Amino acid sequence: MFISEKYKYIFIGLRFSASSALSKELIEMYDSEPILHKHANIPYFIKKYPKLEINQNFKFAVLRDPVQIMHTIFNKYLTHAHFVLLIQNIL
């Protein structure tokens, strides 16, 4: 999760949605700083920082097509050597 006091936004990074690339861009170009862990959610943020006014910030995330996410996960499993050997033994 990343926050910018200057531009008044909070970016929530979702898994498998280019959040690393977006986070890097937000830090370099848009005065962002990391807060909490990368994939923290809004309820966790409110619990950790109850005094920060979340409603005064623009909140956004990038949502990727679930089929594309599954394709990415499947390809990651296929390229992992241990998993490839496991699949070969099953087949």
PDB file of N, CA and C in Angstrom:
ATOM      1  N   MET A   1       0.841  -1.156   0.000  1.00  0.00           N
ATOM      2  CA  MET A   1       0.000   0.000   0.000  1.00  0.00           C
ATOM      3  C   MET A   1       0.899   1.235   0.000  1.00  0.00           C
ATOM      4  N   PHE A   2       0.515   2.200  -0.789  1.00  0.00           N
ATOM      5  CA  PHE A   2       1.304   3.418  -0.928  1.00  0.00           C
ATOM      6  C   PHE A   2       0.402   4.624  -0.737  1.00  0.00           C
ATOM      7  N   ILE A   3       0.979   5.670  -0.157  1.00  0.00           N
ATOM      8  CA  ILE A   3       0.198   6.869   0.149  1.00  0.00           C
ATOM      9  C   ILE A   3       0.978   8.111  -0.283  1.00  0.00           C
ATOM     10  N   SER A   4       0.250   9.122  -0.717  1.00  0.00           N
ATOM     11  CA  SER A   4       0.861  10.403  -1.062  1.00  0.00           C
ATOM     12  C   SER A   4       0.105  11.501  -0.337  1.00  0.00           C
ATOM     13  N   GLU A   5       0.815  12.213   0.519  1.00  0.00           N
ATOM     14  CA  GLU A   5       0.216  13.349   1.221  1.00  0.00           C
ATOM     15  C   GLU A   5       0.021  14.528   0.268  1.00  0.00           C
ATOM     16  N   LYS A   6       0.956  14.686  -0.655  1.00  0.00           N
ATOM     17  CA  LYS A   6       0.905  15.811  -1.590  1.00  0.00           C
ATOM     18  C   LYS A   6      -0.291  15.705  -2.539  1.00  0.00           C
ATOM     19  N   TYR A   7      -0.471  14.523  -3.134  1.00  0.00           N
ATOM     20  CA  TYR A   7      -1.537  14.340  -4.117  1.00  0.00           C
ATOM     21  C   TYR A   7      -2.801  13.711  -3.524  1.00  0.00           C
ATOM     22  N   LYS A   8      -2.769  13.391  -2.245  1.00  0.00           N
ATOM     23  CA  LYS A   8      -3.933  12.870  -1.520  1.00  0.00           C
ATOM     24  C   LYS A   8      -4.504  11.591  -2.156  1.00  0.00           C
ATOM     25  N   TYR A   9      -3.670  10.575  -2.289  1.00  0.00           N
ATOM     26  CA  TYR A   9      -4.163   9.292  -2.786  1.00  0.00           C
ATOM     27  C   TYR A   9      -3.576   8.141  -1.979  1.00  0.00           C
ATOM     28  N   ILE A  10      -4.258   7.018  -2.047  1.00  0.00           N
ATOM     29  CA  ILE A  10      -3.799   5.756  -1.467  1.00  0.00           C
ATOM     30  C   ILE A  10      -3.912   4.708  -2.558  1.00  0.00           C
ATOM     31  N   PHE A  11      -2.811   4.024  -2.830  1.00  0.00           N
ATOM     32  CA  PHE A  11      -2.797   2.959  -3.831  1.00  0.00           C
ATOM     33  C   PHE A  11      -2.731   1.617  -3.117  1.00  0.00           C
ATOM     34  N   ILE A  12      -3.679   0.747  -3.424  1.00  0.00           N
ATOM     35  CA  ILE A  12      -3.717  -0.597  -2.869  1.00  0.00           C
ATOM     36  C   ILE A  12      -3.227  -1.555  -3.941  1.00  0.00           C
ATOM     37  N   GLY A  13      -2.118  -2.218  -3.685  1.00  0.00           N
ATOM     38  CA  GLY A  13      -1.561  -3.154  -4.655  1.00  0.00           C
ATOM     39  C   GLY A  13      -2.217  -4.515  -4.546  1.00  0.00           C
ATOM     40  N   LEU A  14      -2.768  -4.988  -5.650  1.00  0.00           N
ATOM     41  CA  LEU A  14      -3.375  -6.315  -5.692  1.00  0.00           C
ATOM     42  C   LEU A  14      -2.416  -7.293  -6.360  1.00  0.00           C
ATOM     43  N   ARG A  15      -2.444  -8.510  -5.913  1.00  0.00           N
ATOM     44  CA  ARG A  15      -1.553  -9.526  -6.471  1.00  0.00           C
ATOM     45  C   ARG A  15      -1.828  -9.744  -7.961  1.00  0.00           C
ATOM     46  N   PHE A  16      -0.763  -9.972  -8.705  1.00  0.00           N
ATOM     47  CA  PHE A  16      -0.825 -10.279 -10.136  1.00  0.00           C
ATOM     48  C   PHE A  16      -1.544  -9.195 -10.941  1.00  0.00           C
ATOM     49  N   SER A  17      -1.335  -7.934 -10.578  1.00  0.00           N
ATOM     50  CA  SER A  17      -1.984  -6.845 -11.312  1.00  0.00           C
ATOM     51  C   SER A  17      -1.015  -5.701 -11.605  1.00  0.00           C
ATOM     52  N   ALA A  18       0.252  -6.032 -11.768  1.00  0.00           N
ATOM     53  CA  ALA A  18       1.303  -5.056 -12.077  1.00  0.00           C
ATOM     54  C   ALA A  18       1.511  -4.052 -10.949  1.00  0.00           C
ATOM     55  N   SER A  19       1.217  -4.453  -9.733  1.00  0.00           N
ATOM     56  CA  SER A  19       1.338  -3.518  -8.618  1.00  0.00           C
ATOM     57  C   SER A  19       2.790  -3.121  -8.352  1.00  0.00           C
ATOM     58  N   SER A  20       3.742  -3.989  -8.654  1.00  0.00           N
ATOM     59  CA  SER A  20       5.156  -3.628  -8.461  1.00  0.00           C
ATOM     60  C   SER A  20       5.566  -2.507  -9.413  1.00  0.00           C
ATOM     61  N   ALA A  21       5.187  -2.638 -10.661  1.00  0.00           N
ATOM     62  CA  ALA A  21       5.526  -1.609 -11.652  1.00  0.00           C
ATOM     63  C   ALA A  21       4.820  -0.292 -11.330  1.00  0.00           C
ATOM     64  N   LEU A  22       3.562  -0.369 -10.950  1.00  0.00           N
ATOM     65  CA  LEU A  22       2.819   0.843 -10.608  1.00  0.00           C
ATOM     66  C   LEU A  22       3.385   1.501  -9.356  1.00  0.00           C
ATOM     67  N   SER A  23       3.738   0.702  -8.382  1.00  0.00           N
ATOM     68  CA  SER A  23       4.304   1.247  -7.147  1.00  0.00           C
ATOM     69  C   SER A  23       5.605   1.986  -7.422  1.00  0.00           C
ATOM     70  N   LYS A  24       6.441   1.395  -8.258  1.00  0.00           N
ATOM     71  CA  LYS A  24       7.710   2.030  -8.611  1.00  0.00           C
ATOM     72  C   LYS A  24       7.464   3.382  -9.282  1.00  0.00           C
ATOM     73  N   GLU A  25       6.523   3.427 -10.188  1.00  0.00           N
ATOM     74  CA  GLU A  25       6.183   4.674 -10.886  1.00  0.00           C
ATOM     75  C   GLU A  25       5.622   5.719  -9.918  1.00  0.00           C
ATOM     76  N   LEU A  26       4.756   5.289  -9.018  1.00  0.00           N
ATOM     77  CA  LEU A  26       4.168   6.224  -8.058  1.00  0.00           C
ATOM     78  C   LEU A  26       5.226   6.817  -7.136  1.00  0.00           C
ATOM     79  N   ILE A  27       6.197   6.010  -6.744  1.00  0.00           N
ATOM     80  CA  ILE A  27       7.282   6.500  -5.884  1.00  0.00           C
ATOM     81  C   ILE A  27       8.158   7.494  -6.636  1.00  0.00           C
ATOM     82  N   GLU A  28       8.534   7.135  -7.858  1.00  0.00           N
ATOM     83  CA  GLU A  28       9.461   7.968  -8.625  1.00  0.00           C
ATOM     84  C   GLU A  28       8.830   9.270  -9.136  1.00  0.00           C
ATOM     85  N   MET A  29       7.574   9.201  -9.551  1.00  0.00           N
ATOM     86  CA  MET A  29       6.985  10.341 -10.249  1.00  0.00           C
ATOM     87  C   MET A  29       5.879  11.080  -9.485  1.00  0.00           C
ATOM     88  N   TYR A  30       5.273  10.439  -8.501  1.00  0.00           N
ATOM     89  CA  TYR A  30       4.075  11.014  -7.899  1.00  0.00           C
ATOM     90  C   TYR A  30       4.120  11.065  -6.377  1.00  0.00           C
ATOM     91  N   ASP A  31       5.301  11.296  -5.825  1.00  0.00           N
ATOM     92  CA  ASP A  31       5.467  11.597  -4.413  1.00  0.00           C
ATOM     93  C   ASP A  31       4.781  10.583  -3.489  1.00  0.00           C
ATOM     94  N   SER A  32       4.955   9.316  -3.805  1.00  0.00           N
ATOM     95  CA  SER A  32       4.342   8.260  -3.013  1.00  0.00           C
ATOM     96  C   SER A  32       5.359   7.653  -2.058  1.00  0.00           C
ATOM     97  N   GLU A  33       4.864   7.117  -0.960  1.00  0.00           N
ATOM     98  CA  GLU A  33       5.741   6.412  -0.031  1.00  0.00           C
ATOM     99  C   GLU A  33       5.036   5.149   0.449  1.00  0.00           C
ATOM    100  N   PRO A  34       5.790   4.077   0.646  1.00  0.00           N
ATOM    101  CA  PRO A  34       5.174   2.831   1.100  1.00  0.00           C
ATOM    102  C   PRO A  34       4.679   2.959   2.537  1.00  0.00           C
ATOM    103  N   ILE A  35       3.546   2.353   2.773  1.00  0.00           N
ATOM    104  CA  ILE A  35       2.984   2.311   4.111  1.00  0.00           C
ATOM    105  C   ILE A  35       2.395   0.908   4.278  1.00  0.00           C
ATOM    106  N   LEU A  36       2.640   0.291   5.393  1.00  0.00           N
ATOM    107  CA  LEU A  36       2.249  -1.098   5.642  1.00  0.00           C
ATOM    108  C   LEU A  36       2.945  -2.014   4.640  1.00  0.00           C
ATOM    109  N   HIS A  37       2.371  -3.166   4.380  1.00  0.00           N
ATOM    110  CA  HIS A  37       2.992  -4.070   3.415  1.00  0.00           C
ATOM    111  C   HIS A  37       2.347  -3.898   2.045  1.00  0.00           C
ATOM    112  N   LYS A  38       2.965  -4.476   1.055  1.00  0.00           N
ATOM    113  CA  LYS A  38       2.599  -4.226  -0.337  1.00  0.00           C
ATOM    114  C   LYS A  38       1.120  -4.491  -0.644  1.00  0.00           C
ATOM    115  N   HIS A  39       0.600  -5.594  -0.151  1.00  0.00           N
ATOM    116  CA  HIS A  39      -0.769  -5.973  -0.494  1.00  0.00           C
ATOM    117  C   HIS A  39      -1.748  -5.775   0.669  1.00  0.00           C
ATOM    118  N   ALA A  40      -1.485  -4.792   1.510  1.00  0.00           N
ATOM    119  CA  ALA A  40      -2.393  -4.497   2.627  1.00  0.00           C
ATOM    120  C   ALA A  40      -3.728  -3.993   2.078  1.00  0.00           C
ATOM    121  N   ASN A  41      -4.783  -4.192   2.859  1.00  0.00           N
ATOM    122  CA  ASN A  41      -6.098  -3.737   2.419  1.00  0.00           C
ATOM    123  C   ASN A  41      -6.578  -2.576   3.296  1.00  0.00           C
ATOM    124  N   ILE A  42      -7.679  -1.971   2.895  1.00  0.00           N
ATOM    125  CA  ILE A  42      -8.195  -0.790   3.587  1.00  0.00           C
ATOM    126  C   ILE A  42      -8.598  -1.089   5.040  1.00  0.00           C
ATOM    127  N   PRO A  43      -9.312  -2.180   5.336  1.00  0.00           N
ATOM    128  CA  PRO A  43      -9.636  -2.435   6.751  1.00  0.00           C
ATOM    129  C   PRO A  43      -8.396  -2.559   7.639  1.00  0.00           C
ATOM    130  N   TYR A  44      -7.343  -3.185   7.130  1.00  0.00           N
ATOM    131  CA  TYR A  44      -6.097  -3.298   7.885  1.00  0.00           C
ATOM    132  C   TYR A  44      -5.461  -1.923   8.084  1.00  0.00           C
ATOM    133  N   PHE A  45      -5.516  -1.099   7.048  1.00  0.00           N
ATOM    134  CA  PHE A  45      -4.994   0.267   7.119  1.00  0.00           C
ATOM    135  C   PHE A  45      -5.723   1.070   8.202  1.00  0.00           C
ATOM    136  N   ILE A  46      -7.044   0.990   8.217  1.00  0.00           N
ATOM    137  CA  ILE A  46      -7.844   1.721   9.202  1.00  0.00           C
ATOM    138  C   ILE A  46      -7.524   1.238  10.616  1.00  0.00           C
ATOM    139  N   LYS A  47      -7.313  -0.055  10.758  1.00  0.00           N
ATOM    140  CA  LYS A  47      -6.981  -0.617  12.079  1.00  0.00           C
ATOM    141  C   LYS A  47      -5.628  -0.102  12.569  1.00  0.00           C
ATOM    142  N   LYS A  48      -4.644  -0.026  11.674  1.00  0.00           N
ATOM    143  CA  LYS A  48      -3.302   0.409  12.052  1.00  0.00           C
ATOM    144  C   LYS A  48      -3.181   1.923  12.208  1.00  0.00           C
ATOM    145  N   TYR A  49      -3.932   2.679  11.412  1.00  0.00           N
ATOM    146  CA  TYR A  49      -3.858   4.139  11.433  1.00  0.00           C
ATOM    147  C   TYR A  49      -5.253   4.735  11.613  1.00  0.00           C
ATOM    148  N   PRO A  50      -5.852   4.561  12.769  1.00  0.00           N
ATOM    149  CA  PRO A  50      -7.237   5.039  12.958  1.00  0.00           C
ATOM    150  C   PRO A  50      -7.378   6.560  12.914  1.00  0.00           C
ATOM    151  N   LYS A  51      -6.295   7.292  13.163  1.00  0.00           N
ATOM    152  CA  LYS A  51      -6.385   8.761  13.196  1.00  0.00           C
ATOM    153  C   LYS A  51      -6.278   9.401  11.815  1.00  0.00           C
ATOM    154  N   LEU A  52      -5.798   8.663  10.822  1.00  0.00           N
ATOM    155  CA  LEU A  52      -5.703   9.221   9.473  1.00  0.00           C
ATOM    156  C   LEU A  52      -7.083   9.242   8.828  1.00  0.00           C
ATOM    157  N   GLU A  53      -7.413  10.346   8.219  1.00  0.00           N
ATOM    158  CA  GLU A  53      -8.702  10.480   7.546  1.00  0.00           C
ATOM    159  C   GLU A  53      -8.621   9.851   6.159  1.00  0.00           C
ATOM    160  N   ILE A  54      -9.127   8.652   6.042  1.00  0.00           N
ATOM    161  CA  ILE A  54      -9.052   7.926   4.774  1.00  0.00           C
ATOM    162  C   ILE A  54     -10.013   8.516   3.740  1.00  0.00           C
ATOM    163  N   ASN A  55     -11.100   9.120   4.182  1.00  0.00           N
ATOM    164  CA  ASN A  55     -12.096   9.661   3.244  1.00  0.00           C
ATOM    165  C   ASN A  55     -11.617  10.904   2.515  1.00  0.00           C
ATOM    166  N   GLN A  56     -10.542  11.514   2.974  1.00  0.00           N
ATOM    167  CA  GLN A  56     -10.017  12.695   2.304  1.00  0.00           C
ATOM    168  C   GLN A  56      -9.001  12.342   1.222  1.00  0.00           C
ATOM    169  N   ASN A  57      -8.767  11.057   1.018  1.00  0.00           N
ATOM    170  CA  ASN A  57      -7.828  10.594   0.000  1.00  0.00           C
ATOM    171  C   ASN A  57      -8.563   9.829  -1.091  1.00  0.00           C
ATOM    172  N   PHE A  58      -8.064   9.968  -2.310  1.00  0.00           N
ATOM    173  CA  PHE A  58      -8.546   9.163  -3.423  1.00  0.00           C
ATOM    174  C   PHE A  58      -7.922   7.780  -3.282  1.00  0.00           C
ATOM    175  N   LYS A  59      -8.728   6.743  -3.286  1.00  0.00           N
ATOM    176  CA  LYS A  59      -8.234   5.373  -3.140  1.00  0.00           C
ATOM    177  C   LYS A  59      -8.393   4.653  -4.468  1.00  0.00           C
ATOM    178  N   PHE A  60      -7.329   3.935  -4.890  1.00  0.00           N
ATOM    179  CA  PHE A  60      -7.446   3.194  -6.144  1.00  0.00           C
ATOM    180  C   PHE A  60      -6.568   1.956  -6.138  1.00  0.00           C
ATOM    181  N   ALA A  61      -6.942   1.040  -7.018  1.00  0.00           N
ATOM    182  CA  ALA A  61      -6.214  -0.199  -7.250  1.00  0.00           C
ATOM    183  C   ALA A  61      -6.458  -0.579  -8.707  1.00  0.00           C
ATOM    184  N   VAL A  62      -5.701  -1.530  -9.188  1.00  0.00           N
ATOM    185  CA  VAL A  62      -5.889  -2.032 -10.541  1.00  0.00           C
ATOM    186  C   VAL A  62      -6.423  -3.454 -10.424  1.00  0.00           C
ATOM    187  N   LEU A  63      -7.530  -3.700 -11.080  1.00  0.00           N
ATOM    188  CA  LEU A  63      -8.125  -5.026 -11.072  1.00  0.00           C
ATOM    189  C   LEU A  63      -7.889  -5.674 -12.425  1.00  0.00           C
ATOM    190  N   ARG A  64      -7.346  -6.855 -12.402  1.00  0.00           N
ATOM    191  CA  ARG A  64      -7.027  -7.576 -13.627  1.00  0.00           C
ATOM    192  C   ARG A  64      -8.058  -8.670 -13.855  1.00  0.00           C
ATOM    193  N   ASP A  65      -8.275  -9.019 -15.093  1.00  0.00           N
ATOM    194  CA  ASP A  65      -9.214 -10.074 -15.456  1.00  0.00           C
ATOM    195  C   ASP A  65      -8.826 -11.379 -14.746  1.00  0.00           C
ATOM    196  N   PRO A  66      -9.743 -12.014 -14.029  1.00  0.00           N
ATOM    197  CA  PRO A  66      -9.420 -13.240 -13.287  1.00  0.00           C
ATOM    198  C   PRO A  66      -8.868 -14.369 -14.169  1.00  0.00           C
ATOM    199  N   VAL A  67      -9.314 -14.446 -15.407  1.00  0.00           N
ATOM    200  CA  VAL A  67      -8.794 -15.482 -16.312  1.00  0.00           C
ATOM    201  C   VAL A  67      -7.313 -15.217 -16.604  1.00  0.00           C
ATOM    202  N   GLN A  68      -6.942 -13.969 -16.796  1.00  0.00           N
ATOM    203  CA  GLN A  68      -5.541 -13.635 -17.019  1.00  0.00           C
ATOM    204  C   GLN A  68      -4.702 -13.911 -15.780  1.00  0.00           C
ATOM    205  N   ILE A  69      -5.259 -13.674 -14.612  1.00  0.00           N
ATOM    206  CA  ILE A  69      -4.538 -13.968 -13.372  1.00  0.00           C
ATOM    207  C   ILE A  69      -4.281 -15.463 -13.267  1.00  0.00           C
ATOM    208  N   MET A  70      -5.281 -16.267 -13.539  1.00  0.00           N
ATOM    209  CA  MET A  70      -5.101 -17.729 -13.484  1.00  0.00           C
ATOM    210  C   MET A  70      -4.066 -18.194 -14.505  1.00  0.00           C
ATOM    211  N   HIS A  71      -4.058 -17.579 -15.671  1.00  0.00           N
ATOM    212  CA  HIS A  71      -3.071 -17.916 -16.694  1.00  0.00           C
ATOM    213  C   HIS A  71      -1.660 -17.600 -16.191  1.00  0.00           C
ATOM    214  N   THR A  72      -1.498 -16.450 -15.550  1.00  0.00           N
ATOM    215  CA  THR A  72      -0.199 -16.070 -15.000  1.00  0.00           C
ATOM    216  C   THR A  72       0.241 -17.039 -13.912  1.00  0.00           C
ATOM    217  N   ILE A  73      -0.652 -17.377 -13.016  1.00  0.00           N
ATOM    218  CA  ILE A  73      -0.322 -18.312 -11.936  1.00  0.00           C
ATOM    219  C   ILE A  73       0.054 -19.662 -12.512  1.00  0.00           C
ATOM    220  N   PHE A  74      -0.706 -20.140 -13.484  1.00  0.00           N
ATOM    221  CA  PHE A  74      -0.416 -21.428 -14.120  1.00  0.00           C
ATOM    222  C   PHE A  74       0.970 -21.413 -14.767  1.00  0.00           C
ATOM    223  N   ASN A  75       1.290 -20.336 -15.472  1.00  0.00           N
ATOM    224  CA  ASN A  75       2.604 -20.243 -16.106  1.00  0.00           C
ATOM    225  C   ASN A  75       3.724 -20.180 -15.075  1.00  0.00           C
ATOM    226  N   LYS A  76       3.488 -19.522 -13.951  1.00  0.00           N
ATOM    227  CA  LYS A  76       4.504 -19.499 -12.892  1.00  0.00           C
ATOM    228  C   LYS A  76       4.743 -20.888 -12.339  1.00  0.00           C
ATOM    229  N   TYR A  77       3.678 -21.647 -12.165  1.00  0.00           N
ATOM    230  CA  TYR A  77       3.840 -23.023 -11.694  1.00  0.00           C
ATOM    231  C   TYR A  77       4.590 -23.870 -12.715  1.00  0.00           C
ATOM    232  N   LEU A  78       4.290 -23.672 -13.990  1.00  0.00           N
ATOM    233  CA  LEU A  78       4.951 -24.467 -15.020  1.00  0.00           C
ATOM    234  C   LEU A  78       6.445 -24.181 -15.109  1.00  0.00           C
ATOM    235  N   THR A  79       6.845 -22.958 -14.853  1.00  0.00           N
ATOM    236  CA  THR A  79       8.257 -22.623 -14.973  1.00  0.00           C
ATOM    237  C   THR A  79       9.050 -22.952 -13.717  1.00  0.00           C
ATOM    238  N   HIS A  80       8.378 -23.332 -12.656  1.00  0.00           N
ATOM    239  CA  HIS A  80       9.065 -23.725 -11.428  1.00  0.00           C
ATOM    240  C   HIS A  80       9.515 -25.175 -11.581  1.00  0.00           C
ATOM    241  N   ALA A  81      10.800 -25.421 -11.533  1.00  0.00           N
ATOM    242  CA  ALA A  81      11.373 -26.734 -11.835  1.00  0.00           C
ATOM    243  C   ALA A  81      10.783 -27.846 -10.970  1.00  0.00           C
ATOM    244  N   HIS A  82      10.626 -27.607  -9.679  1.00  0.00           N
ATOM    245  CA  HIS A  82      10.099 -28.642  -8.791  1.00  0.00           C
ATOM    246  C   HIS A  82       8.676 -29.026  -9.191  1.00  0.00           C
ATOM    247  N   PHE A  83       7.884 -28.029  -9.539  1.00  0.00           N
ATOM    248  CA  PHE A  83       6.513 -28.290  -9.930  1.00  0.00           C
ATOM    249  C   PHE A  83       6.452 -29.021 -11.261  1.00  0.00           C
ATOM    250  N   VAL A  84       7.343 -28.687 -12.202  1.00  0.00           N
ATOM    251  CA  VAL A  84       7.389 -29.360 -13.495  1.00  0.00           C
ATOM    252  C   VAL A  84       7.683 -30.832 -13.307  1.00  0.00           C
ATOM    253  N   LEU A  85       8.631 -31.174 -12.453  1.00  0.00           N
ATOM    254  CA  LEU A  85       8.943 -32.578 -12.179  1.00  0.00           C
ATOM    255  C   LEU A  85       7.744 -33.286 -11.550  1.00  0.00           C
ATOM    256  N   LEU A  86       7.034 -32.617 -10.676  1.00  0.00           N
ATOM    257  CA  LEU A  86       5.864 -33.187 -10.052  1.00  0.00           C
ATOM    258  C   LEU A  86       4.794 -33.476 -11.083  1.00  0.00           C
ATOM    259  N   ILE A  87       4.550 -32.554 -12.005  1.00  0.00           N
ATOM    260  CA  ILE A  87       3.563 -32.763 -13.062  1.00  0.00           C
ATOM    261  C   ILE A  87       3.985 -33.928 -13.960  1.00  0.00           C
ATOM    262  N   GLN A  88       5.257 -33.992 -14.306  1.00  0.00           N
ATOM    263  CA  GLN A  88       5.732 -35.072 -15.164  1.00  0.00           C
ATOM    264  C   GLN A  88       5.541 -36.433 -14.497  1.00  0.00           C
ATOM    265  N   ASN A  89       5.731 -36.507 -13.199  1.00  0.00           N
ATOM    266  CA  ASN A  89       5.514 -37.760 -12.486  1.00  0.00           C
ATOM    267  C   ASN A  89       4.037 -38.139 -12.435  1.00  0.00           C
ATOM    268  N   ILE A  90       3.167 -37.151 -12.365  1.00  0.00           N
ATOM    269  CA  ILE A  90       1.740 -37.423 -12.322  1.00  0.00           C
ATOM    270  C   ILE A  90       1.257 -37.892 -13.688  1.00  0.00           C
ATOM    271  N   LEU A  91       1.748 -37.239 -14.734  1.00  0.00           N
ATOM    272  CA  LEU A  91       1.301 -37.587 -16.097  1.00  0.00           C
ATOM    273  C   LEU A  91       1.992 -38.850 -16.519  1.00  0.00           C
TER     274      LEU A  91
END
